[in-house]
C-alpha atoms as a PDB file:
ATOM      1  CA  MET A   1    -162.107 174.210 -50.566  1.00  0.00           C
ATOM      2  CA  GLN A   2    -163.984 177.525 -50.459  1.00  0.00           C
ATOM      3  CA  PHE A   3    -167.151 175.811 -51.668  1.00  0.00           C
ATOM      4  CA  VAL A   4    -166.808 173.095 -48.990  1.00  0.00           C
ATOM      5  CA  GLN A   5    -166.401 175.754 -46.311  1.00  0.00           C
ATOM      6  CA  PHE A   6    -169.411 177.628 -47.713  1.00  0.00           C
ATOM      7  CA  VAL A   7    -171.537 174.472 -47.444  1.00  0.00           C
ATOM      8  CA  ARG A   8    -170.351 173.865 -43.884  1.00  0.00           C
ATOM      9  CA  ASP A   9    -171.125 177.457 -42.875  1.00  0.00           C
ATOM     10  CA  ALA A  10    -174.547 177.299 -44.515  1.00  0.00           C
ATOM     11  CA  PHE A  11    -175.357 174.037 -42.735  1.00  0.00           C
ATOM     12  CA  ALA A  12    -174.205 175.508 -39.419  1.00  0.00           C
ATOM     13  CA  LEU A  13    -176.460 178.520 -40.011  1.00  0.00           C
ATOM     14  CA  LEU A  14    -179.507 176.347 -40.716  1.00  0.00           C
ATOM     15  CA  PHE A  15    -178.763 173.661 -38.110  1.00  0.00           C
ATOM     16  CA  PRO A  16    -176.506 175.263 -35.493  1.00  0.00           C
ATOM     17  CA  GLU A  17    -174.686 173.089 -32.982  1.00  0.00           C
ATOM     18  CA  LEU A  18    -175.524 174.304 -29.480  1.00  0.00           C
ATOM     19  CA  CYS A  19    -173.361 174.626 -26.396  1.00  0.00           C
ATOM     20  CA  ALA A  20    -174.178 171.822 -23.941  1.00  0.00           C
ATOM     21  CA  ALA A  21    -173.993 174.284 -21.034  1.00  0.00           C
ATOM     22  CA  CYS A  22    -175.700 177.513 -22.147  1.00  0.00           C
ATOM     23  CA  ASN A  23    -177.567 176.292 -25.259  1.00  0.00           C
ATOM     24  CA  GLN A  24    -176.190 179.144 -27.398  1.00  0.00           C
ATOM     25  CA  SER A  25    -175.017 178.493 -30.949  1.00  0.00           C
ATOM     26  CA  LEU A  26    -171.389 177.463 -31.287  1.00  0.00           C
ATOM     27  CA  VAL A  27    -169.215 179.457 -33.651  1.00  0.00           C
ATOM     28  CA  HIS A  28    -166.603 178.179 -36.103  1.00  0.00           C
ATOM     29  CA  GLN A  29    -164.099 175.756 -34.492  1.00  0.00           C
ATOM     30  CA  GLU A  30    -165.965 175.592 -31.172  1.00  0.00           C
ATOM     31  CA  ARG A  31    -166.870 172.047 -30.156  1.00  0.00           C
ATOM     32  CA  CYS A  32    -169.549 170.891 -27.694  1.00  0.00           C
ATOM     33  CA  LEU A  33    -169.024 173.896 -25.386  1.00  0.00           C
ATOM     34  CA  CYS A  34    -168.648 177.568 -26.224  1.00  0.00           C
ATOM     35  CA  THR A  35    -165.470 179.424 -25.282  1.00  0.00           C
ATOM     36  CA  HIS A  36    -167.264 181.379 -22.546  1.00  0.00           C
ATOM     37  CA  CYS A  37    -168.543 178.222 -20.837  1.00  0.00           C
ATOM     38  CA  ILE A  38    -165.173 176.470 -21.098  1.00  0.00           C
ATOM     39  CA  TYR A  39    -163.509 179.476 -19.488  1.00  0.00           C
ATOM     40  CA  ASN A  40    -166.041 179.395 -16.637  1.00  0.00           C
ATOM     41  CA  LEU A  41    -165.963 175.654 -15.899  1.00  0.00           C
ATOM     42  CA  PRO A  42    -165.901 175.116 -12.094  1.00  0.00           C
ATOM     43  CA  ILE A  43    -162.617 173.182 -11.982  1.00  0.00           C
ATOM     44  CA  THR A  44    -161.880 171.559  -8.609  1.00  0.00           C
ATOM     45  CA  HIS A  45    -158.062 171.421  -8.779  1.00  0.00           C
ATOM     46  CA  PHE A  46    -158.321 168.420  -6.437  1.00  0.00           C
ATOM     47  CA  TYR A  47    -155.151 166.966  -7.961  1.00  0.00           C
ATOM     48  CA  LEU A  48    -153.160 169.555  -5.985  1.00  0.00           C
ATOM     49  CA  ASP A  49    -154.176 167.934  -2.681  1.00  0.00           C
ATOM     50  CA  LYS A  50    -154.053 164.167  -2.127  1.00  0.00           C
ATOM     51  CA  ASP A  51    -156.441 164.611   0.828  1.00  0.00           C
ATOM     52  CA  ASN A  52    -159.092 166.340  -1.280  1.00  0.00           C
ATOM     53  CA  LEU A  53    -162.865 166.162  -0.783  1.00  0.00           C
ATOM     54  CA  ALA A  54    -163.325 163.381  -3.336  1.00  0.00           C
ATOM     55  CA  ALA A  55    -160.551 161.335  -1.728  1.00  0.00           C
ATOM     56  CA  ARG A  56    -162.119 161.733   1.698  1.00  0.00           C
ATOM     57  CA  GLN A  57    -165.415 160.491   0.291  1.00  0.00           C
ATOM     58  CA  LEU A  58    -163.829 157.210  -0.812  1.00  0.00           C
ATOM     59  CA  MET A  59    -160.606 156.421   0.958  1.00  0.00           C
ATOM     60  CA  GLY A  60    -162.136 155.381   4.255  1.00  0.00           C
ATOM     61  CA  HIS A  61    -164.111 152.634   2.544  1.00  0.00           C
ATOM     62  CA  ALA A  62    -161.702 151.062   0.029  1.00  0.00           C
ATOM     63  CA  ALA A  63    -157.939 150.828  -0.556  1.00  0.00           C
ATOM     64  CA  ILE A  64    -157.746 153.521  -3.231  1.00  0.00           C
ATOM     65  CA  GLU A  65    -154.431 155.010  -4.390  1.00  0.00           C
ATOM     66  CA  GLU A  66    -155.458 158.411  -5.799  1.00  0.00           C
ATOM     67  CA  VAL A  67    -158.818 160.153  -6.294  1.00  0.00           C
ATOM     68  CA  ASP A  68    -159.564 163.174  -8.461  1.00  0.00           C
ATOM     69  CA  SER A  69    -162.599 164.906  -9.969  1.00  0.00           C
ATOM     70  CA  PHE A  70    -162.415 167.463 -12.760  1.00  0.00           C
ATOM     71  CA  LEU A  71    -165.439 169.696 -12.059  1.00  0.00           C
ATOM     72  CA  TYR A  72    -167.787 170.679  -9.248  1.00  0.00           C
ATOM     73  CA  PHE A  73    -171.420 169.586  -9.685  1.00  0.00           C
ATOM     74  CA  SER A  74    -174.246 171.497  -8.012  1.00  0.00           C
ATOM     75  CA  SER A  75    -177.999 171.579  -8.525  1.00  0.00           C
ATOM     76  CA  GLY A  76    -179.164 174.076 -11.140  1.00  0.00           C
ATOM     77  CA  SER A  77    -175.624 174.709 -12.412  1.00  0.00           C
ATOM     78  CA  SER A  78    -174.231 174.569 -15.925  1.00  0.00           C
ATOM     79  CA  ILE A  79    -172.542 171.281 -14.972  1.00  0.00           C
ATOM     80  CA  GLN A  80    -175.898 169.752 -14.098  1.00  0.00           C
ATOM     81  CA  ARG A  81    -177.136 170.746 -17.579  1.00  0.00           C
ATOM     82  CA  ILE A  82    -173.996 169.267 -19.161  1.00  0.00           C
ATOM     83  CA  ILE A  83    -174.303 165.984 -17.247  1.00  0.00           C
ATOM     84  CA  HIS A  84    -177.999 165.718 -18.169  1.00  0.00           C
ATOM     85  CA  GLN A  85    -177.153 166.259 -21.846  1.00  0.00           C
ATOM     86  CA  ILE A  86    -174.324 163.727 -21.660  1.00  0.00           C
ATOM     87  CA  LYS A  87    -176.496 161.030 -20.068  1.00  0.00           C
ATOM     88  CA  TYR A  88    -179.891 161.498 -21.674  1.00  0.00           C
ATOM     89  CA  LYS A  89    -179.572 163.630 -24.839  1.00  0.00           C
ATOM     90  CA  ASN A  90    -177.034 161.675 -26.915  1.00  0.00           C
ATOM     91  CA  GLY A  91    -174.311 163.868 -25.466  1.00  0.00           C
ATOM     92  CA  TYR A  92    -171.497 161.338 -25.755  1.00  0.00           C
ATOM     93  CA  PRO A  93    -169.396 163.741 -27.904  1.00  0.00           C
ATOM     94  CA  THR A  94    -169.485 166.176 -24.986  1.00  0.00           C
ATOM     95  CA  ALA A  95    -168.351 163.423 -22.596  1.00  0.00           C
ATOM     96  CA  GLU A  96    -165.412 162.672 -24.887  1.00  0.00           C
ATOM     97  CA  PHE A  97    -164.575 166.364 -25.288  1.00  0.00           C
ATOM     98  CA  LEU A  98    -164.552 166.906 -21.515  1.00  0.00           C
ATOM     99  CA  GLY A  99    -162.355 163.831 -21.159  1.00  0.00           C
ATOM    100  CA  GLU A 100    -159.884 165.536 -23.490  1.00  0.00           C
ATOM    101  CA  LEU A 101    -160.000 168.799 -21.514  1.00  0.00           C
ATOM    102  CA  TYR A 102    -159.445 166.897 -18.286  1.00  0.00           C
ATOM    103  CA  GLY A 103    -156.577 164.992 -19.868  1.00  0.00           C
ATOM    104  CA  LEU A 104    -154.855 168.256 -20.790  1.00  0.00           C
ATOM    105  CA  GLN A 105    -155.004 169.261 -17.135  1.00  0.00           C
ATOM    106  CA  LEU A 106    -153.680 165.896 -15.947  1.00  0.00           C
ATOM    107  CA  LYS A 107    -150.741 166.037 -18.374  1.00  0.00           C
ATOM    108  CA  GLU A 108    -149.377 168.911 -16.294  1.00  0.00           C
ATOM    109  CA  THR A 109    -149.305 166.747 -13.140  1.00  0.00           C
ATOM    110  CA  SER A 110    -147.866 163.430 -11.985  1.00  0.00           C
ATOM    111  CA  ILE A 111    -151.188 162.066 -10.724  1.00  0.00           C
ATOM    112  CA  PHE A 112    -152.197 158.808 -12.425  1.00  0.00           C
ATOM    113  CA  GLU A 113    -148.893 158.554 -14.331  1.00  0.00           C
ATOM    114  CA  SER A 114    -148.325 155.038 -12.972  1.00  0.00           C
ATOM    115  CA  CYS A 115    -151.725 153.769 -14.163  1.00  0.00           C
ATOM    116  CA  ASP A 116    -151.672 150.980 -16.750  1.00  0.00           C
ATOM    117  CA  LEU A 117    -155.288 150.947 -17.887  1.00  0.00           C
ATOM    118  CA  ILE A 118    -158.446 153.074 -17.823  1.00  0.00           C
ATOM    119  CA  ILE A 119    -161.672 151.204 -17.017  1.00  0.00           C
ATOM    120  CA  PRO A 120    -165.015 153.040 -17.108  1.00  0.00           C
ATOM    121  CA  VAL A 121    -167.861 152.140 -14.760  1.00  0.00           C
ATOM    122  CA  PRO A 122    -170.150 149.939 -16.904  1.00  0.00           C
ATOM    123  CA  LEU A 123    -173.897 150.108 -17.523  1.00  0.00           C
ATOM    124  CA  HIS A 124    -176.005 146.972 -17.434  1.00  0.00           C
ATOM    125  CA  LYS A 125    -176.642 145.671 -20.964  1.00  0.00           C
ATOM    126  CA  LYS A 126    -180.368 146.455 -20.640  1.00  0.00           C
ATOM    127  CA  ARG A 127    -179.696 150.109 -19.799  1.00  0.00           C
ATOM    128  CA  LEU A 128    -176.988 150.259 -22.454  1.00  0.00           C
ATOM    129  CA  ARG A 129    -179.493 149.091 -25.079  1.00  0.00           C
ATOM    130  CA  SER A 130    -182.091 151.663 -24.051  1.00  0.00           C
ATOM    131  CA  ARG A 131    -179.618 154.563 -23.875  1.00  0.00           C
ATOM    132  CA  GLY A 132    -177.506 153.468 -26.818  1.00  0.00           C
ATOM    133  CA  TYR A 133    -174.149 154.324 -25.238  1.00  0.00           C
ATOM    134  CA  ASN A 134    -172.275 154.501 -21.947  1.00  0.00           C
ATOM    135  CA  GLN A 135    -171.233 158.082 -21.267  1.00  0.00           C
ATOM    136  CA  SER A 136    -168.337 156.904 -19.080  1.00  0.00           C
ATOM    137  CA  ASP A 137    -166.892 154.971 -22.048  1.00  0.00           C
ATOM    138  CA  TYR A 138    -166.656 158.232 -23.981  1.00  0.00           C
ATOM    139  CA  PHE A 139    -165.233 160.172 -21.045  1.00  0.00           C
ATOM    140  CA  ALA A 140    -162.592 157.438 -20.771  1.00  0.00           C
ATOM    141  CA  LYS A 141    -161.945 157.599 -24.525  1.00  0.00           C
ATOM    142  CA  GLY A 142    -161.281 161.340 -24.439  1.00  0.00           C
ATOM    143  CA  LEU A 143    -159.037 161.012 -21.399  1.00  0.00           C
ATOM    144  CA  SER A 144    -157.110 158.125 -22.977  1.00  0.00           C
ATOM    145  CA  LYS A 145    -156.516 160.115 -26.147  1.00  0.00           C
ATOM    146  CA  ILE A 146    -154.622 162.807 -24.227  1.00  0.00           C
ATOM    147  CA  ILE A 147    -152.809 160.944 -21.429  1.00  0.00           C
ATOM    148  CA  ASN A 148    -151.972 157.898 -23.596  1.00  0.00           C
ATOM    149  CA  ILE A 149    -153.259 155.219 -21.234  1.00  0.00           C
ATOM    150  CA  PRO A 150    -155.299 152.500 -23.006  1.00  0.00           C
ATOM    151  CA  THR A 151    -158.921 151.784 -22.132  1.00  0.00           C
ATOM    152  CA  ASP A 152    -160.719 148.504 -21.454  1.00  0.00           C
ATOM    153  CA  CYS A 153    -164.508 148.844 -21.732  1.00  0.00           C
ATOM    154  CA  LYS A 154    -165.324 145.111 -21.854  1.00  0.00           C
ATOM    155  CA  ASN A 155    -163.743 143.443 -18.834  1.00  0.00           C
ATOM    156  CA  LEU A 156    -165.674 144.979 -15.935  1.00  0.00           C
ATOM    157  CA  ILE A 157    -169.410 144.300 -16.264  1.00  0.00           C
ATOM    158  CA  ARG A 158    -172.547 145.125 -14.309  1.00  0.00           C
ATOM    159  CA  ALA A 159    -174.071 141.680 -13.814  1.00  0.00           C
ATOM    160  CA  SER A 160    -177.381 142.831 -12.302  1.00  0.00           C
ATOM    161  CA  HIS A 161    -179.841 145.418 -13.561  1.00  0.00           C
ATOM    162  CA  ASN A 162    -180.350 147.369 -10.356  1.00  0.00           C
ATOM    163  CA  GLU A 163    -182.619 150.344  -9.791  1.00  0.00           C
ATOM    164  CA  SER A 164    -181.373 153.852 -10.536  1.00  0.00           C
ATOM    165  CA  GLN A 165    -179.320 155.443  -7.759  1.00  0.00           C
ATOM    166  CA  THR A 166    -181.223 158.730  -8.162  1.00  0.00           C
ATOM    167  CA  ASN A 167    -183.216 159.784  -5.063  1.00  0.00           C
ATOM    168  CA  LYS A 168    -181.773 156.977  -2.893  1.00  0.00           C
ATOM    169  CA  SER A 169    -180.186 157.641   0.495  1.00  0.00           C
ATOM    170  CA  ARG A 170    -176.482 156.949   1.058  1.00  0.00           C
ATOM    171  CA  SER A 171    -177.135 153.590   2.739  1.00  0.00           C
ATOM    172  CA  GLN A 172    -179.653 152.601   0.036  1.00  0.00           C
ATOM    173  CA  ARG A 173    -177.115 153.442  -2.689  1.00  0.00           C
ATOM    174  CA  PHE A 174    -174.493 151.148  -1.149  1.00  0.00           C
ATOM    175  CA  GLU A 175    -176.966 148.297  -0.744  1.00  0.00           C
ATOM    176  CA  ASN A 176    -178.275 148.811  -4.292  1.00  0.00           C
ATOM    177  CA  VAL A 177    -174.871 148.135  -5.909  1.00  0.00           C
ATOM    178  CA  LYS A 178    -173.431 145.576  -3.517  1.00  0.00           C
ATOM    179  CA  ASP A 179    -171.763 142.655  -5.356  1.00  0.00           C
ATOM    180  CA  ILE A 180    -173.240 143.532  -8.776  1.00  0.00           C
ATOM    181  CA  PHE A 181    -169.931 144.034 -10.638  1.00  0.00           C
ATOM    182  CA  LYS A 182    -167.989 141.125 -12.152  1.00  0.00           C
ATOM    183  CA  LEU A 183    -164.896 140.643 -14.334  1.00  0.00           C
ATOM    184  CA  ASN A 184    -164.898 138.741 -17.622  1.00  0.00           C
ATOM    185  CA  HIS A 185    -161.148 138.130 -17.590  1.00  0.00           C
ATOM    186  CA  PRO A 186    -159.744 139.026 -14.157  1.00  0.00           C
ATOM    187  CA  GLU A 187    -156.429 137.276 -14.872  1.00  0.00           C
ATOM    188  CA  SER A 188    -155.603 139.892 -17.525  1.00  0.00           C
ATOM    189  CA  LEU A 189    -155.568 142.597 -14.831  1.00  0.00           C
ATOM    190  CA  THR A 190    -153.155 140.914 -12.407  1.00  0.00           C
ATOM    191  CA  ASP A 191    -150.580 143.407 -11.033  1.00  0.00           C
ATOM    192  CA  LYS A 192    -152.153 146.318 -12.973  1.00  0.00           C
ATOM    193  CA  HIS A 193    -152.791 149.820 -11.678  1.00  0.00           C
ATOM    194  CA  ILE A 194    -156.347 150.592 -12.832  1.00  0.00           C
ATOM    195  CA  LEU A 195    -157.741 154.091 -13.324  1.00  0.00           C
ATOM    196  CA  LEU A 196    -161.479 153.645 -12.727  1.00  0.00           C
ATOM    197  CA  VAL A 197    -163.558 156.476 -14.250  1.00  0.00           C
ATOM    198  CA  ASP A 198    -167.173 157.602 -13.975  1.00  0.00           C
ATOM    199  CA  ASP A 199    -169.272 160.675 -14.686  1.00  0.00           C
ATOM    200  CA  VAL A 200    -170.308 161.930 -11.222  1.00  0.00           C
ATOM    201  CA  LEU A 201    -169.074 161.129  -7.710  1.00  0.00           C
ATOM    202  CA  THR A 202    -171.937 161.539  -5.234  1.00  0.00           C
ATOM    203  CA  THR A 203    -171.814 159.045  -2.354  1.00  0.00           C
ATOM    204  CA  GLY A 204    -169.171 156.894  -4.047  1.00  0.00           C
ATOM    205  CA  ALA A 205    -171.264 153.721  -3.689  1.00  0.00           C
ATOM    206  CA  THR A 206    -170.939 152.620  -7.324  1.00  0.00           C
ATOM    207  CA  LEU A 207    -167.218 153.368  -7.476  1.00  0.00           C
ATOM    208  CA  GLU A 208    -166.597 151.493  -4.237  1.00  0.00           C
ATOM    209  CA  ALA A 209    -168.523 148.461  -5.515  1.00  0.00           C
ATOM    210  CA  CYS A 210    -166.446 148.475  -8.723  1.00  0.00           C
ATOM    211  CA  SER A 211    -163.241 148.898  -6.734  1.00  0.00           C
ATOM    212  CA  ALA A 212    -164.158 145.966  -4.485  1.00  0.00           C
ATOM    213  CA  ALA A 213    -164.493 143.706  -7.534  1.00  0.00           C
ATOM    214  CA  LEU A 214    -161.173 144.886  -8.999  1.00  0.00           C
ATOM    215  CA  LEU A 215    -159.249 144.665  -5.722  1.00  0.00           C
ATOM    216  CA  LYS A 216    -159.999 140.944  -5.455  1.00  0.00           C
ATOM    217  CA  ILE A 217    -157.502 140.437  -8.293  1.00  0.00           C
ATOM    218  CA  PRO A 218    -153.933 139.721  -7.097  1.00  0.00           C
ATOM    219  CA  GLY A 219    -151.649 142.746  -7.216  1.00  0.00           C
ATOM    220  CA  VAL A 220    -154.257 145.188  -8.503  1.00  0.00           C
ATOM    221  CA  LYS A 221    -154.191 148.833  -7.430  1.00  0.00           C
ATOM    222  CA  VAL A 222    -157.082 151.206  -8.102  1.00  0.00           C
ATOM    223  CA  SER A 223    -157.176 154.967  -8.588  1.00  0.00           C
ATOM    224  CA  ILE A 224    -160.352 156.898  -9.385  1.00  0.00           C
ATOM    225  CA  ALA A 225    -161.176 159.863 -11.615  1.00  0.00           C
ATOM    226  CA  THR A 226    -164.603 161.368 -12.260  1.00  0.00           C
ATOM    227  CA  LEU A 227    -165.879 164.087 -14.514  1.00  0.00           C
ATOM    228  CA  ALA A 228    -167.672 165.812 -11.638  1.00  0.00           C
ATOM    229  CA  PHE A 229    -167.935 165.845  -7.851  1.00  0.00           C
ATOM    230  CA  THR A 230    -171.165 166.692  -6.040  1.00  0.00           C
ATOM    231  CA  LYS A 231    -170.629 169.398  -3.473  1.00  0.00           C
END
């Protein structure tokens, strides 16, 4: 065992794993984020207020049960660096890790306890091939591991390969995702309470389009959770 630990320590010295937020080397038993950056995460605590900022962003447009976001996102912040790493630098382990951290917070509350299934916002198959993974799948996986609600990453699909939402106005974002989400097996979701998850809530256009597709199913209720909320 000592030799195995020696090899691990030597490998870590030669090829250190870096914190996704500050880019400093992680020490033994740290994972994805260093202790300092975890301690300083800008947690929203939205779950304490049903009428929170994220809820206000969405609830006037769709019949959503509960809305929560784990972290605040702002330009130039550590969260922007984390989200960039998650989406474009093979940072899916970080997405899963943050899902676990968020799950630990949610376990202390009653929010989402009536949800039957976690469904992540899907990527189009063309974008999935180019990126190699869907970061929201991994965020959902980490969350599921802690709050013990199963995931379904195959039912909700993005049927059209639309342009990126980046740099679009609010109205352009809504038009860009209108009617592009479909269900493979909608009958399997009848009477379910779905927890729809995504990485960042900005205008809410993508989440509303997904919700609209899900809410066409008889008896379905939708709640929403995101990794981050744009101030």
